[in-house]
C-alpha atoms as a PDB file:
ATOM      1  CA  MET A   1     117.748 104.173  91.205  1.00  0.00           C
ATOM      2  CA  ASP A   2     114.043 104.472  91.895  1.00  0.00           C
ATOM      3  CA  LEU A   3     112.894 103.090  95.235  1.00  0.00           C
ATOM      4  CA  ASN A   4     109.174 103.145  95.738  1.00  0.00           C
ATOM      5  CA  PHE A   5     106.783 101.807  98.349  1.00  0.00           C
ATOM      6  CA  LEU A   6     106.413  98.418  96.649  1.00  0.00           C
ATOM      7  CA  THR A   7     110.152  97.734  96.641  1.00  0.00           C
ATOM      8  CA  ILE A   8     110.840  98.978 100.164  1.00  0.00           C
ATOM      9  CA  GLN A   9     108.039  97.103 101.953  1.00  0.00           C
ATOM     10  CA  PRO A  10     109.343  93.534 101.332  1.00  0.00           C
ATOM     11  CA  ALA A  11     112.852  94.557 102.358  1.00  0.00           C
ATOM     12  CA  ILE A  12     111.579  96.038 105.623  1.00  0.00           C
ATOM     13  CA  ALA A  13     109.478  92.919 106.281  1.00  0.00           C
ATOM     14  CA  LEU A  14     112.497  90.680 105.684  1.00  0.00           C
ATOM     15  CA  ILE A  15     114.702  92.688 108.037  1.00  0.00           C
ATOM     16  CA  ALA A  16     111.965  92.768 110.690  1.00  0.00           C
ATOM     17  CA  GLY A  17     111.480  89.003 110.403  1.00  0.00           C
ATOM     18  CA  VAL A  18     115.166  88.298 110.849  1.00  0.00           C
ATOM     19  CA  LEU A  19     115.349  90.629 113.854  1.00  0.00           C
ATOM     20  CA  ILE A  20     112.347  88.926 115.435  1.00  0.00           C
ATOM     21  CA  LEU A  21     114.031  85.532 115.015  1.00  0.00           C
ATOM     22  CA  ILE A  22     117.288  86.790 116.513  1.00  0.00           C
ATOM     23  CA  LEU A  23     115.835  89.001 119.251  1.00  0.00           C
ATOM     24  CA  PRO A  24     112.329  87.795 120.183  1.00  0.00           C
ATOM     25  CA  ARG A  25     112.165  90.099 123.223  1.00  0.00           C
ATOM     26  CA  VAL A  26     112.049  93.201 121.027  1.00  0.00           C
ATOM     27  CA  LEU A  27     109.058  91.939 119.033  1.00  0.00           C
ATOM     28  CA  ASN A  28     106.781  94.772 120.200  1.00  0.00           C
ATOM     29  CA  TYR A  29     109.280  97.444 119.174  1.00  0.00           C
ATOM     30  CA  ILE A  30     109.951  95.874 115.787  1.00  0.00           C
ATOM     31  CA  VAL A  31     106.246  95.574 115.000  1.00  0.00           C
ATOM     32  CA  ALA A  32     105.574  99.133 116.156  1.00  0.00           C
ATOM     33  CA  LEU A  33     108.433 100.568 114.079  1.00  0.00           C
ATOM     34  CA  TYR A  34     107.344  98.540 111.059  1.00  0.00           C
ATOM     35  CA  LEU A  35     103.779  99.802 111.272  1.00  0.00           C
ATOM     36  CA  ILE A  36     104.907 103.408 111.736  1.00  0.00           C
ATOM     37  CA  LEU A  37     107.293 103.186 108.790  1.00  0.00           C
ATOM     38  CA  ILE A  38     104.721 101.578 106.480  1.00  0.00           C
ATOM     39  CA  GLY A  39     102.167 104.206 107.517  1.00  0.00           C
ATOM     40  CA  VAL A  40     104.552 107.081 106.823  1.00  0.00           C
ATOM     41  CA  LEU A  41     105.580 105.623 103.470  1.00  0.00           C
ATOM     42  CA  GLY A  42     101.936 105.157 102.525  1.00  0.00           C
ATOM     43  CA  LEU A  43     101.046 108.732 103.454  1.00  0.00           C
ATOM     44  CA  TRP A  44     104.214 110.340 102.069  1.00  0.00           C
ATOM     45  CA  PRO A  45     102.839 111.328  98.615  1.00  0.00           C
ATOM     46  CA  ASN A  46      99.814 112.952 100.282  1.00  0.00           C
ATOM     47  CA  LEU A  47     101.984 114.775 102.793  1.00  0.00           C
ATOM     48  CA  LEU A  48     104.066 116.379 100.043  1.00  0.00           C
ATOM     49  CA  SER A  49     101.088 117.652  98.064  1.00  0.00           C
ATOM     50  CA  GLY A  50      99.019 118.654 101.092  1.00  0.00           C
ATOM     51  CA  PHE A  51      95.789 117.175 102.319  1.00  0.00           C
ATOM     52  CA  GLY A  52      93.485 119.543 100.429  1.00  0.00           C
END
């Protein structure tokens, strides 16, 4: 099973949206974790091969 960035991002967005609806007080944490996770997933191929 091949999971790549394009298949993981909508799933994370869906989970974050549901959590925001259920627990609106943790909106800041959910948004922060989402942005960190998307950033790490976007940089992951570059991190494995090095920046140079």
